N, C-alpha and C. Protein backbone atom coordinates (compact mmCIF):
# COMPACT_ATOMS: atom_id res chain seq x y z
N MET A 1 254.44 140.82 123.65
CA MET A 1 253.61 141.46 123.00
C MET A 1 252.03 141.47 124.12
N LEU A 2 251.71 142.64 124.49
CA LEU A 2 250.71 142.59 125.19
C LEU A 2 249.31 142.20 124.31
N PRO A 3 248.42 141.50 125.29
CA PRO A 3 247.36 140.95 124.55
C PRO A 3 246.05 142.12 124.26
N HIS A 4 245.37 141.90 123.14
CA HIS A 4 244.51 143.27 123.24
C HIS A 4 243.34 143.17 124.17
N ALA A 5 243.15 144.22 124.61
CA ALA A 5 242.24 144.50 125.79
C ALA A 5 240.91 143.61 125.39
N LEU A 6 240.30 143.65 124.03
CA LEU A 6 239.18 142.60 124.23
C LEU A 6 239.57 141.10 124.61
N GLU A 7 240.60 140.62 124.63
CA GLU A 7 240.88 139.48 124.63
C GLU A 7 241.25 139.03 126.41
N ARG A 8 240.92 140.38 127.00
CA ARG A 8 241.03 139.89 128.89
C ARG A 8 239.23 140.24 129.02
N VAL A 9 238.62 140.18 128.31
CA VAL A 9 237.20 140.59 128.77
C VAL A 9 236.84 139.18 129.96
N PRO A 10 236.96 138.09 129.26
CA PRO A 10 236.69 136.80 130.09
C PRO A 10 237.20 137.09 131.36
N ALA A 11 238.28 137.14 131.45
CA ALA A 11 239.44 137.29 132.50
C ALA A 11 238.68 138.55 133.52
N TRP A 12 238.51 139.77 133.22
CA TRP A 12 237.63 140.52 133.82
C TRP A 12 236.38 140.13 134.41
N CYS A 13 235.55 139.57 133.34
CA CYS A 13 234.18 139.16 133.83
C CYS A 13 234.04 138.37 134.94
N ARG A 14 235.33 137.34 134.73
CA ARG A 14 235.68 136.15 136.09
C ARG A 14 236.30 136.75 137.22
N GLY A 15 236.82 137.78 137.39
CA GLY A 15 237.46 138.19 138.40
C GLY A 15 236.32 139.45 139.03
N TRP A 16 235.28 139.55 138.19
CA TRP A 16 234.34 140.49 138.74
C TRP A 16 233.40 139.87 139.41
N LYS A 17 233.23 138.56 138.75
CA LYS A 17 232.29 137.31 139.53
C LYS A 17 232.59 136.70 140.99
N GLU A 18 234.05 136.48 140.91
CA GLU A 18 234.69 135.99 142.24
C GLU A 18 234.80 136.96 143.22
N SER A 19 235.17 138.41 143.01
CA SER A 19 235.70 139.06 143.85
C SER A 19 234.35 139.98 144.18
N GLY A 20 233.15 140.24 143.29
CA GLY A 20 232.11 140.92 143.48
C GLY A 20 232.47 142.31 143.50
N ARG A 21 233.85 143.03 142.90
CA ARG A 21 233.62 144.44 142.30
C ARG A 21 234.56 144.17 141.18
N LEU A 22 234.31 145.51 140.68
CA LEU A 22 234.70 145.93 139.33
C LEU A 22 235.13 147.49 139.21
N VAL A 23 236.27 148.17 139.18
CA VAL A 23 236.72 149.26 139.29
C VAL A 23 236.86 149.78 137.88
N LEU A 24 236.11 150.81 137.91
CA LEU A 24 236.43 151.71 136.24
C LEU A 24 236.72 152.95 136.41
N LEU A 25 238.11 153.15 135.99
CA LEU A 25 238.88 154.54 135.99
C LEU A 25 238.83 154.92 134.56
N LEU A 26 238.27 156.38 134.20
CA LEU A 26 237.95 156.64 132.81
C LEU A 26 238.30 158.23 132.50
N ASP A 27 239.15 158.36 131.52
CA ASP A 27 239.22 159.57 131.04
C ASP A 27 237.94 159.99 130.56
N PHE A 28 237.71 161.55 130.48
CA PHE A 28 236.53 162.18 129.89
C PHE A 28 237.45 162.73 128.17
N ASP A 29 237.72 163.36 128.35
CA ASP A 29 237.85 164.09 126.97
C ASP A 29 238.50 162.96 125.80
N GLY A 30 237.92 162.56 125.00
CA GLY A 30 238.50 161.57 124.04
C GLY A 30 238.11 159.92 124.43
N THR A 31 237.62 159.91 125.94
CA THR A 31 237.35 158.84 125.92
C THR A 31 235.81 158.52 126.20
N LEU A 32 235.34 159.16 126.97
CA LEU A 32 233.61 159.47 127.53
C LEU A 32 232.93 160.26 126.43
N ALA A 33 233.76 161.09 126.01
CA ALA A 33 233.42 162.51 125.17
C ALA A 33 234.52 162.51 123.71
N PRO A 34 233.87 162.61 122.91
CA PRO A 34 234.59 162.87 121.71
C PRO A 34 235.52 164.41 121.91
N ILE A 35 236.88 164.24 120.87
CA ILE A 35 237.36 165.62 120.86
C ILE A 35 236.50 166.55 120.22
N VAL A 36 236.85 167.79 120.69
CA VAL A 36 235.80 168.76 120.16
C VAL A 36 236.96 169.85 119.83
N GLU A 37 236.64 171.13 118.83
CA GLU A 37 237.17 172.07 118.85
C GLU A 37 237.58 172.93 119.65
N ARG A 38 236.78 173.20 121.02
CA ARG A 38 236.99 173.91 122.01
C ARG A 38 236.17 173.12 123.39
N PRO A 39 237.46 173.21 124.41
CA PRO A 39 236.69 172.43 125.25
C PRO A 39 235.45 172.44 125.97
N GLU A 40 234.67 173.85 125.93
CA GLU A 40 233.31 174.05 126.41
C GLU A 40 232.44 173.25 125.49
N MET A 41 232.62 172.59 124.34
CA MET A 41 231.91 172.47 123.49
C MET A 41 231.68 170.76 124.17
N ALA A 42 232.65 170.20 124.46
CA ALA A 42 232.70 168.55 124.90
C ALA A 42 231.35 168.17 125.55
N ALA A 43 230.59 167.24 124.94
CA ALA A 43 229.68 166.51 125.88
C ALA A 43 229.78 165.16 125.51
N MET A 44 229.30 164.64 126.54
CA MET A 44 229.07 162.92 126.69
C MET A 44 227.89 162.54 125.63
N PRO A 45 228.34 161.39 124.43
CA PRO A 45 227.14 160.96 124.28
C PRO A 45 225.88 160.32 124.77
N ALA A 46 224.73 160.49 124.31
CA ALA A 46 223.68 159.69 125.12
C ALA A 46 223.78 158.45 125.26
N GLU A 47 224.10 157.81 124.41
CA GLU A 47 224.67 156.48 124.13
C GLU A 47 225.54 155.54 125.58
N THR A 48 226.55 156.43 125.63
CA THR A 48 228.06 156.50 126.41
C THR A 48 227.33 156.71 127.63
N ARG A 49 226.47 157.65 128.03
CA ARG A 49 225.85 158.03 129.22
C ARG A 49 224.88 156.88 129.90
N THR A 50 224.34 156.19 128.83
CA THR A 50 223.34 155.55 129.12
C THR A 50 224.18 153.80 129.26
N ALA A 51 224.98 153.69 128.87
CA ALA A 51 225.97 152.74 129.08
C ALA A 51 226.40 152.39 130.43
N LEU A 52 227.30 153.71 130.63
CA LEU A 52 227.84 154.13 131.78
C LEU A 52 226.64 154.04 133.19
N GLU A 53 225.60 154.49 133.14
CA GLU A 53 224.85 154.36 134.07
C GLU A 53 224.19 152.95 134.37
N ARG A 54 224.27 152.43 133.25
CA ARG A 54 223.59 150.95 133.38
C ARG A 54 224.83 149.96 134.21
N LEU A 55 225.88 150.36 133.74
CA LEU A 55 227.20 149.73 134.39
C LEU A 55 227.08 150.16 136.07
N MET A 56 226.78 151.40 136.17
CA MET A 56 226.74 151.84 137.90
C MET A 56 225.65 151.22 138.45
N ALA A 57 224.94 150.71 137.89
CA ALA A 57 223.66 150.33 138.45
C ALA A 57 223.91 148.95 138.84
N MET A 58 224.91 147.90 138.19
CA MET A 58 224.95 146.44 138.75
C MET A 58 225.97 146.71 139.84
N PRO A 59 225.75 145.31 140.52
CA PRO A 59 226.52 144.97 141.58
C PRO A 59 228.12 145.35 141.54
N GLY A 60 228.47 145.80 142.55
CA GLY A 60 229.50 145.78 142.88
C GLY A 60 230.71 146.63 141.98
N VAL A 61 229.87 147.36 141.36
CA VAL A 61 230.62 148.73 140.17
C VAL A 61 231.02 149.89 141.06
N GLN A 62 232.54 150.20 140.80
CA GLN A 62 232.71 151.79 141.35
C GLN A 62 233.45 152.19 140.15
N ALA A 63 233.39 153.33 139.92
CA ALA A 63 233.96 154.32 139.13
C ALA A 63 234.25 155.59 139.57
N ALA A 64 235.44 155.92 138.35
CA ALA A 64 235.93 157.49 138.72
C ALA A 64 236.06 158.03 137.42
N VAL A 65 236.06 159.23 137.16
CA VAL A 65 236.14 159.78 135.87
C VAL A 65 237.68 160.61 136.68
N VAL A 66 238.65 160.51 135.85
CA VAL A 66 240.06 161.14 135.98
C VAL A 66 240.35 161.76 135.03
N SER A 67 240.37 163.30 135.01
CA SER A 67 240.32 164.09 133.85
C SER A 67 241.51 165.20 134.01
N GLY A 68 242.23 165.88 133.12
CA GLY A 68 242.75 167.14 133.11
C GLY A 68 241.87 168.08 133.26
N ARG A 69 240.79 168.16 133.08
CA ARG A 69 239.64 169.37 133.44
C ARG A 69 239.54 169.56 134.46
N GLY A 70 239.77 170.93 135.04
CA GLY A 70 239.19 171.06 136.66
C GLY A 70 237.62 170.43 137.30
N LEU A 71 237.92 169.94 138.39
CA LEU A 71 237.02 169.25 139.03
C LEU A 71 235.60 169.60 138.94
N ALA A 72 235.03 171.02 139.13
CA ALA A 72 233.74 171.08 138.80
C ALA A 72 233.52 170.89 137.69
N ASP A 73 233.72 171.50 136.22
CA ASP A 73 234.01 171.14 135.19
C ASP A 73 233.50 169.74 134.84
N VAL A 74 234.22 168.98 135.01
CA VAL A 74 234.13 167.53 134.88
C VAL A 74 232.81 166.60 135.38
N ARG A 75 233.00 167.25 136.67
CA ARG A 75 231.58 166.80 137.51
C ARG A 75 230.30 167.19 136.70
N GLU A 76 230.56 168.55 136.23
CA GLU A 76 229.04 168.85 135.67
C GLU A 76 228.78 168.25 134.22
N ARG A 77 229.95 168.11 133.48
CA ARG A 77 229.88 167.24 132.26
C ARG A 77 229.56 165.95 132.47
N ALA A 78 229.86 165.06 133.47
CA ALA A 78 229.77 163.63 133.24
C ALA A 78 228.62 163.71 134.27
N ALA A 79 228.31 164.22 135.48
CA ALA A 79 227.13 164.07 136.02
C ALA A 79 226.59 162.67 135.95
N ILE A 80 227.20 161.59 136.52
CA ILE A 80 226.81 160.25 136.83
C ILE A 80 226.73 160.12 138.22
N PRO A 81 225.49 159.58 139.21
CA PRO A 81 225.30 159.35 140.49
C PRO A 81 226.58 158.46 140.95
N GLY A 82 227.04 158.56 141.82
CA GLY A 82 227.78 157.53 142.44
C GLY A 82 229.31 157.38 142.02
N ILE A 83 229.55 158.43 141.09
CA ILE A 83 231.03 158.18 140.35
C ILE A 83 231.63 159.31 141.44
N ALA A 84 233.09 158.95 141.44
CA ALA A 84 233.92 159.81 142.03
C ALA A 84 234.75 160.59 140.67
N TYR A 85 235.36 161.82 141.16
CA TYR A 85 235.96 162.67 140.04
C TYR A 85 237.20 163.06 140.83
N ALA A 86 237.82 163.20 139.65
CA ALA A 86 239.70 163.69 140.06
C ALA A 86 239.90 164.70 138.49
N GLY A 87 239.79 165.59 139.02
CA GLY A 87 240.19 166.68 138.14
C GLY A 87 241.68 167.34 138.43
N ASN A 88 241.59 168.00 137.20
CA ASN A 88 243.19 168.69 137.17
C ASN A 88 244.30 167.65 137.56
N HIS A 89 244.12 166.36 136.82
CA HIS A 89 245.17 165.39 136.82
C HIS A 89 245.26 164.82 137.90
N GLY A 90 244.41 164.60 138.96
CA GLY A 90 244.12 164.30 140.19
C GLY A 90 244.45 165.27 141.39
N MET A 91 244.76 166.54 140.94
CA MET A 91 244.95 167.50 142.19
C MET A 91 244.03 167.61 142.88
N GLU A 92 242.69 167.24 142.38
CA GLU A 92 241.54 167.82 143.08
C GLU A 92 240.84 166.56 142.94
N ILE A 93 240.22 165.93 144.01
CA ILE A 93 239.81 164.56 144.10
C ILE A 93 238.34 164.86 145.09
N GLU A 94 237.14 164.03 144.78
CA GLU A 94 236.11 164.10 145.19
C GLU A 94 235.00 162.99 144.95
N GLY A 95 234.26 162.64 145.85
CA GLY A 95 233.36 161.21 145.65
C GLY A 95 233.98 160.42 146.55
N ALA A 96 233.48 159.17 146.64
CA ALA A 96 233.78 158.14 147.32
C ALA A 96 234.35 158.50 148.92
N GLY A 97 233.59 159.35 149.38
CA GLY A 97 233.87 159.71 150.80
C GLY A 97 235.14 160.47 150.89
N LEU A 98 235.79 160.94 149.83
CA LEU A 98 236.93 161.86 149.60
C LEU A 98 236.58 163.42 149.08
N HIS A 99 237.34 164.14 149.63
CA HIS A 99 237.34 165.61 149.45
C HIS A 99 239.04 166.15 149.29
N ARG A 100 239.46 166.32 148.27
CA ARG A 100 240.96 166.39 148.33
C ARG A 100 241.52 167.67 147.36
N MET A 101 241.96 168.58 148.02
CA MET A 101 243.04 169.49 147.16
C MET A 101 244.41 169.29 147.62
N HIS A 102 245.11 169.13 146.38
CA HIS A 102 246.71 169.01 146.81
C HIS A 102 247.12 170.01 147.47
N PRO A 103 247.51 170.19 148.45
CA PRO A 103 248.08 171.44 148.86
C PRO A 103 249.22 171.94 148.42
N ASP A 104 250.22 171.59 147.50
CA ASP A 104 251.17 172.17 146.81
C ASP A 104 250.64 172.94 145.86
N ALA A 105 249.43 172.03 145.23
CA ALA A 105 248.82 172.99 143.87
C ALA A 105 247.79 174.07 144.80
N VAL A 106 247.52 174.19 145.79
CA VAL A 106 246.57 175.24 146.02
C VAL A 106 247.77 176.55 146.35
N SER A 107 248.74 175.83 147.29
CA SER A 107 249.67 177.20 147.20
C SER A 107 250.48 177.79 145.91
N ALA A 108 250.31 177.11 144.75
CA ALA A 108 250.87 177.74 143.71
C ALA A 108 249.83 178.60 142.59
N ARG A 109 248.63 178.48 143.26
CA ARG A 109 247.36 179.35 142.60
C ARG A 109 247.93 180.99 142.43
N PRO A 110 248.67 181.36 143.10
CA PRO A 110 249.16 182.96 142.60
C PRO A 110 250.51 182.60 141.37
N SER A 111 251.04 181.67 141.42
CA SER A 111 251.85 181.41 140.23
C SER A 111 251.29 181.50 139.12
N LEU A 112 250.26 180.62 138.97
CA LEU A 112 249.37 180.29 137.70
C LEU A 112 248.53 181.78 137.32
N GLU A 113 248.24 182.32 138.42
CA GLU A 113 247.50 183.39 138.00
C GLU A 113 248.41 184.40 137.27
N ALA A 114 249.80 184.46 137.75
CA ALA A 114 250.65 185.84 137.19
C ALA A 114 251.20 184.80 135.69
N ALA A 115 251.30 183.50 135.68
CA ALA A 115 251.63 182.89 134.40
C ALA A 115 250.65 183.55 133.42
N ALA A 116 249.33 182.97 133.62
CA ALA A 116 248.42 183.52 133.00
C ALA A 116 248.06 184.78 132.43
N ARG A 117 248.37 186.13 133.02
CA ARG A 117 248.45 187.26 132.90
C ARG A 117 249.80 187.47 131.66
N LEU A 118 250.89 186.94 131.70
CA LEU A 118 251.73 186.88 130.75
C LEU A 118 251.47 186.33 129.59
N ILE A 119 250.86 185.14 129.79
CA ILE A 119 250.80 184.07 128.52
C ILE A 119 249.96 184.99 127.38
N GLU A 120 248.62 185.46 128.13
CA GLU A 120 247.66 186.10 127.06
C GLU A 120 247.76 186.53 126.33
N PRO A 121 248.39 187.70 126.66
CA PRO A 121 248.97 188.92 125.69
C PRO A 121 250.20 188.21 124.97
N ALA A 122 250.97 187.38 124.84
CA ALA A 122 251.87 186.84 124.50
C ALA A 122 251.15 186.08 123.02
N LEU A 123 249.78 185.59 123.50
CA LEU A 123 249.25 184.42 122.26
C LEU A 123 248.44 185.43 121.49
N ALA A 124 248.03 186.71 122.15
CA ALA A 124 247.08 187.66 121.42
C ALA A 124 247.23 187.64 119.85
N ALA A 125 248.55 187.86 119.44
CA ALA A 125 248.54 187.71 117.83
C ALA A 125 248.35 186.47 117.12
N ILE A 126 248.19 185.40 117.69
CA ILE A 126 248.14 183.81 117.28
C ILE A 126 246.54 183.94 117.46
N PRO A 127 246.23 183.65 116.11
CA PRO A 127 244.93 183.51 115.88
C PRO A 127 244.43 182.06 116.18
N GLY A 128 243.59 181.72 117.36
CA GLY A 128 242.80 180.36 117.58
C GLY A 128 243.55 179.94 118.80
N ALA A 129 244.55 180.72 119.19
CA ALA A 129 245.27 180.19 120.59
C ALA A 129 244.60 180.84 121.67
N PHE A 130 244.15 180.20 122.65
CA PHE A 130 243.80 180.83 123.95
C PHE A 130 244.00 179.80 125.37
N VAL A 131 244.05 180.87 126.36
CA VAL A 131 244.45 180.12 127.82
C VAL A 131 243.08 179.52 128.38
N GLU A 132 242.86 178.20 128.88
CA GLU A 132 241.77 178.08 129.88
C GLU A 132 242.42 177.98 131.05
N ASP A 133 242.09 178.76 131.96
CA ASP A 133 242.36 178.78 133.47
C ASP A 133 241.46 177.70 134.19
N LYS A 134 242.14 176.36 134.73
CA LYS A 134 241.36 175.59 135.41
C LYS A 134 241.12 175.50 136.91
N GLY A 135 242.02 176.64 137.53
CA GLY A 135 242.16 176.68 139.06
C GLY A 135 243.56 176.52 139.48
N MET A 136 243.77 174.80 139.36
CA MET A 136 245.04 174.37 139.82
C MET A 136 245.88 174.18 138.49
N THR A 137 245.28 174.65 137.23
CA THR A 137 246.40 174.20 136.08
C THR A 137 246.03 175.10 135.04
N LEU A 138 246.70 175.37 134.19
CA LEU A 138 246.11 176.37 132.88
C LEU A 138 246.51 175.52 131.69
N SER A 139 245.70 175.09 130.98
CA SER A 139 245.64 174.55 129.47
C SER A 139 245.64 175.76 128.39
N ILE A 140 246.40 175.76 127.46
CA ILE A 140 246.98 176.80 126.40
C ILE A 140 246.65 175.85 125.28
N HIS A 141 245.19 176.07 124.52
CA HIS A 141 244.77 175.36 123.53
C HIS A 141 245.44 175.86 122.61
N PHE A 142 245.48 175.13 121.24
CA PHE A 142 246.16 175.39 119.77
C PHE A 142 245.54 174.63 118.69
N ARG A 143 244.45 174.21 119.11
CA ARG A 143 243.97 173.10 118.02
C ARG A 143 243.60 174.00 116.55
N GLN A 144 243.06 175.01 116.96
CA GLN A 144 242.51 175.91 115.73
C GLN A 144 243.61 177.00 115.14
N VAL A 145 244.77 176.86 115.91
CA VAL A 145 245.90 177.60 115.23
C VAL A 145 246.46 177.00 114.08
N PRO A 146 246.80 177.87 112.96
CA PRO A 146 247.73 176.99 111.89
C PRO A 146 248.92 176.13 112.30
N PRO A 147 249.00 175.09 111.56
CA PRO A 147 250.40 174.32 112.09
C PRO A 147 251.52 174.97 112.03
N GLU A 148 251.81 176.09 110.86
CA GLU A 148 253.11 176.67 110.92
C GLU A 148 253.42 177.62 112.17
N ARG A 149 252.32 177.67 113.04
CA ARG A 149 252.50 178.55 113.92
C ARG A 149 252.16 177.89 115.33
N HIS A 150 252.28 176.72 115.43
CA HIS A 150 252.33 175.83 116.52
C HIS A 150 253.57 176.20 117.41
N ASP A 151 254.74 176.23 116.87
CA ASP A 151 256.07 176.37 117.51
C ASP A 151 255.95 178.21 118.15
N GLU A 152 255.40 178.79 117.84
CA GLU A 152 255.16 180.04 118.33
C GLU A 152 254.54 179.83 119.98
N VAL A 153 253.31 179.12 120.05
CA VAL A 153 252.45 179.02 120.61
C VAL A 153 253.58 178.52 121.69
N ARG A 154 254.16 177.34 121.55
CA ARG A 154 254.94 176.70 122.57
C ARG A 154 256.09 177.54 123.46
N ASP A 155 256.68 178.43 122.32
CA ASP A 155 257.91 179.06 122.79
C ASP A 155 257.46 180.09 123.54
N ALA A 156 255.90 181.03 123.46
CA ALA A 156 255.57 181.88 124.04
C ALA A 156 255.29 181.44 125.33
N VAL A 157 254.55 180.29 125.80
CA VAL A 157 254.32 179.54 126.88
C VAL A 157 255.76 179.41 127.44
N GLU A 158 256.71 178.44 126.67
CA GLU A 158 257.71 178.21 127.69
C GLU A 158 258.55 179.40 128.23
N ARG A 159 259.04 180.82 127.73
CA ARG A 159 259.54 181.67 128.03
C ARG A 159 258.66 182.26 129.67
N VAL A 160 257.51 182.26 129.66
CA VAL A 160 256.73 182.63 130.72
C VAL A 160 257.08 181.78 131.91
N VAL A 161 256.95 180.33 131.45
CA VAL A 161 256.97 179.34 132.63
C VAL A 161 258.64 179.20 132.94
N ARG A 162 259.77 179.64 132.20
CA ARG A 162 260.99 179.17 132.36
C ARG A 162 261.54 180.08 133.29
N GLY A 163 260.57 181.60 133.67
CA GLY A 163 260.83 182.29 134.62
C GLY A 163 260.64 182.36 136.30
N ASP A 164 259.51 180.83 136.06
CA ASP A 164 259.06 180.50 137.41
C ASP A 164 259.21 179.20 137.90
N GLY A 165 260.19 178.68 138.91
CA GLY A 165 260.70 177.77 138.94
C GLY A 165 259.83 176.69 139.87
N GLY A 166 258.53 177.30 140.17
CA GLY A 166 257.58 176.65 140.93
C GLY A 166 256.65 176.02 139.60
N LEU A 167 256.51 176.21 138.46
CA LEU A 167 255.63 175.71 137.71
C LEU A 167 256.46 175.05 136.45
N HIS A 168 255.72 174.23 135.49
CA HIS A 168 256.33 173.46 134.61
C HIS A 168 255.36 173.04 133.42
N VAL A 169 255.92 172.76 132.46
CA VAL A 169 255.11 172.36 131.11
C VAL A 169 254.87 171.33 130.81
N THR A 170 253.85 170.79 130.57
CA THR A 170 253.41 169.63 129.72
C THR A 170 252.83 169.46 128.67
N THR A 171 252.90 168.29 127.71
CA THR A 171 252.01 168.90 126.77
C THR A 171 251.26 167.40 126.16
N GLY A 172 249.67 167.78 125.77
CA GLY A 172 249.07 166.87 125.02
C GLY A 172 248.67 166.96 123.82
N LYS A 173 247.52 166.36 123.54
CA LYS A 173 247.11 166.16 122.12
C LYS A 173 246.43 167.73 121.93
N MET A 174 247.34 168.74 121.31
CA MET A 174 247.24 169.99 120.71
C MET A 174 246.99 170.98 122.25
N VAL A 175 247.38 170.64 122.98
CA VAL A 175 247.32 171.54 124.04
C VAL A 175 248.46 171.50 124.90
N ILE A 176 248.67 172.37 125.42
CA ILE A 176 249.93 172.93 126.24
C ILE A 176 249.66 173.34 128.02
N GLU A 177 249.98 172.40 128.66
CA GLU A 177 249.76 172.78 130.10
C GLU A 177 250.55 173.24 130.76
N VAL A 178 250.17 174.22 131.87
CA VAL A 178 251.14 174.59 132.89
C VAL A 178 250.49 174.29 134.12
N ARG A 179 251.69 173.59 134.77
CA ARG A 179 251.19 172.85 136.19
C ARG A 179 251.97 173.57 137.17
N PRO A 180 251.41 173.27 138.67
CA PRO A 180 252.51 173.30 139.83
C PRO A 180 253.54 172.31 139.67
N ARG A 181 254.79 172.78 139.79
CA ARG A 181 256.00 171.69 140.06
C ARG A 181 255.42 170.68 141.37
N VAL A 182 254.80 169.86 141.01
CA VAL A 182 254.44 168.95 142.61
C VAL A 182 254.39 167.58 142.06
N ASP A 183 254.99 166.75 142.52
CA ASP A 183 254.88 165.27 141.96
C ASP A 183 253.83 164.59 142.61
N TRP A 184 253.08 164.65 141.55
CA TRP A 184 251.48 164.27 141.45
C TRP A 184 250.88 164.38 139.57
N ASP A 185 250.13 162.78 139.50
CA ASP A 185 249.70 162.83 138.41
C ASP A 185 248.63 162.04 138.48
N LYS A 186 248.25 161.52 137.17
CA LYS A 186 247.05 160.84 136.93
C LYS A 186 247.52 159.26 138.04
N GLY A 187 248.52 159.15 137.45
CA GLY A 187 248.90 157.50 138.36
C GLY A 187 248.91 157.69 139.70
N LYS A 188 249.31 158.36 140.51
CA LYS A 188 249.39 158.81 141.90
C LYS A 188 247.80 159.17 142.35
N ALA A 189 247.15 159.56 141.25
CA ALA A 189 245.89 160.22 141.89
C ALA A 189 244.94 158.39 141.95
N VAL A 190 245.13 157.59 140.63
CA VAL A 190 244.47 156.40 140.94
C VAL A 190 244.72 155.41 141.80
N LEU A 191 246.02 155.45 142.33
CA LEU A 191 246.88 154.94 143.31
C LEU A 191 246.08 155.16 144.76
N PHE A 192 246.11 156.59 144.67
CA PHE A 192 245.30 157.14 146.06
C PHE A 192 243.95 156.75 146.35
N LEU A 193 243.05 156.81 145.14
CA LEU A 193 241.54 156.86 144.84
C LEU A 193 241.57 154.74 145.34
N LEU A 194 242.67 154.05 144.87
CA LEU A 194 242.30 152.71 145.12
C LEU A 194 242.74 152.37 146.50
N GLY A 195 243.63 153.26 146.93
CA GLY A 195 244.07 152.83 148.68
C GLY A 195 243.02 153.47 149.48
N HIS A 196 241.82 154.11 148.80
CA HIS A 196 240.56 154.48 149.80
C HIS A 196 239.82 153.54 149.39
N ILE A 197 239.37 153.24 148.32
CA ILE A 197 238.39 152.18 148.54
C ILE A 197 238.55 150.68 148.50
N ARG A 198 239.89 150.40 148.46
CA ARG A 198 240.31 149.34 148.76
C ARG A 198 239.40 148.12 148.12
N PRO A 199 239.51 148.03 147.09
CA PRO A 199 238.84 146.48 146.13
C PRO A 199 239.55 145.25 146.69
N PRO A 200 239.00 144.19 146.60
CA PRO A 200 239.69 142.81 146.80
C PRO A 200 240.63 143.06 145.88
N PHE A 201 241.86 142.19 146.29
CA PHE A 201 242.92 141.95 145.35
C PHE A 201 242.97 141.36 144.18
N ASN A 202 241.78 140.95 143.78
CA ASN A 202 241.48 140.00 142.67
C ASN A 202 240.51 140.77 141.69
N ALA A 203 240.27 142.07 142.44
CA ALA A 203 239.12 142.79 141.39
C ALA A 203 239.76 143.28 140.49
N PRO A 204 239.19 143.39 139.34
CA PRO A 204 239.71 143.99 138.14
C PRO A 204 239.51 145.32 137.80
N VAL A 205 240.36 146.09 137.74
CA VAL A 205 240.85 147.46 137.46
C VAL A 205 240.86 147.95 136.40
N LEU A 206 240.20 148.67 135.67
CA LEU A 206 239.96 149.15 134.20
C LEU A 206 240.50 150.46 134.25
N TYR A 207 241.22 150.73 133.59
CA TYR A 207 241.61 152.26 133.34
C TYR A 207 241.71 152.46 131.46
N LEU A 208 240.87 153.39 131.24
CA LEU A 208 240.34 153.73 129.83
C LEU A 208 240.84 155.30 129.59
N GLY A 209 241.87 155.51 128.87
CA GLY A 209 242.26 156.85 128.43
C GLY A 209 242.96 157.03 127.06
N ASP A 210 242.84 158.25 126.67
CA ASP A 210 243.60 158.26 125.36
C ASP A 210 244.55 159.01 125.00
N ASP A 211 244.96 159.53 126.15
CA ASP A 211 246.23 160.93 125.99
C ASP A 211 247.31 160.48 126.47
N ARG A 212 248.30 161.53 126.89
CA ARG A 212 249.86 160.99 126.78
C ARG A 212 249.71 161.42 128.50
N THR A 213 248.62 161.97 129.18
CA THR A 213 248.67 161.92 130.48
C THR A 213 248.02 160.55 131.23
N ASP A 214 247.59 160.23 130.55
CA ASP A 214 246.75 158.87 130.79
C ASP A 214 248.10 157.66 131.09
N GLU A 215 248.95 157.98 130.34
CA GLU A 215 250.25 156.69 129.98
C GLU A 215 250.56 156.86 131.88
N ASP A 216 250.45 157.93 132.50
CA ASP A 216 250.83 157.88 133.90
C ASP A 216 250.31 156.83 135.03
N ALA A 217 248.91 157.04 134.45
CA ALA A 217 248.06 155.77 134.82
C ALA A 217 248.36 154.55 134.75
N PHE A 218 248.73 154.40 133.57
CA PHE A 218 248.66 152.88 132.66
C PHE A 218 249.98 152.65 133.58
N ARG A 219 251.16 153.19 133.72
CA ARG A 219 252.31 152.75 134.13
C ARG A 219 251.71 152.35 135.75
N ALA A 220 251.32 152.93 136.37
CA ALA A 220 250.88 152.82 137.66
C ALA A 220 250.11 151.51 138.31
N LEU A 221 249.57 151.51 137.14
CA LEU A 221 248.59 149.97 137.47
C LEU A 221 248.91 148.59 136.45
N ALA A 222 250.29 149.05 135.97
CA ALA A 222 250.87 147.93 135.28
C ALA A 222 251.29 146.83 136.29
């Protein structure tokens, strides 16, 4: 059985002291900010912001927010100086001397626009369902949809995406995502970030996340 995370705190502190570095990789929704009914309502609580700012002021601390949100959106909502940001599950990365957009995801933009034009009318008759266009991915939110109609939302999205081999569907907490079919996820994004910032081998690397997409990062760092 894996140890509880809190049991590892002394080892992390020891590694931080010995290496002089601590790397924090943080999801946004459900981790830095509570889950809310609509994505535009999400905000980081003041006490969380204060704690993160205090951490960033400590020697040797580096941090990145790794989110499914679009890069500009998560950067605006987090707005912590000195932090790097990975948006759209790492397809967009900015900070720590980086500015990267996955080229295959950029190329898939016309396909995403076409999918959005088809999905939106297909969901029009389902109260509470809506499409969020995040530039490199689409999120179809159904948190406010009656449970007995959840399958209708999934079916509508899958019918559209099935016709485009360059896109695929993933699921999260009360959200369906349409993504470019590229070999990239939060796991590959955090390894890319770590390869760039090059922390010492014994520096603690902590990833905090609450959704299915964060499991890609957990596996990459295991």
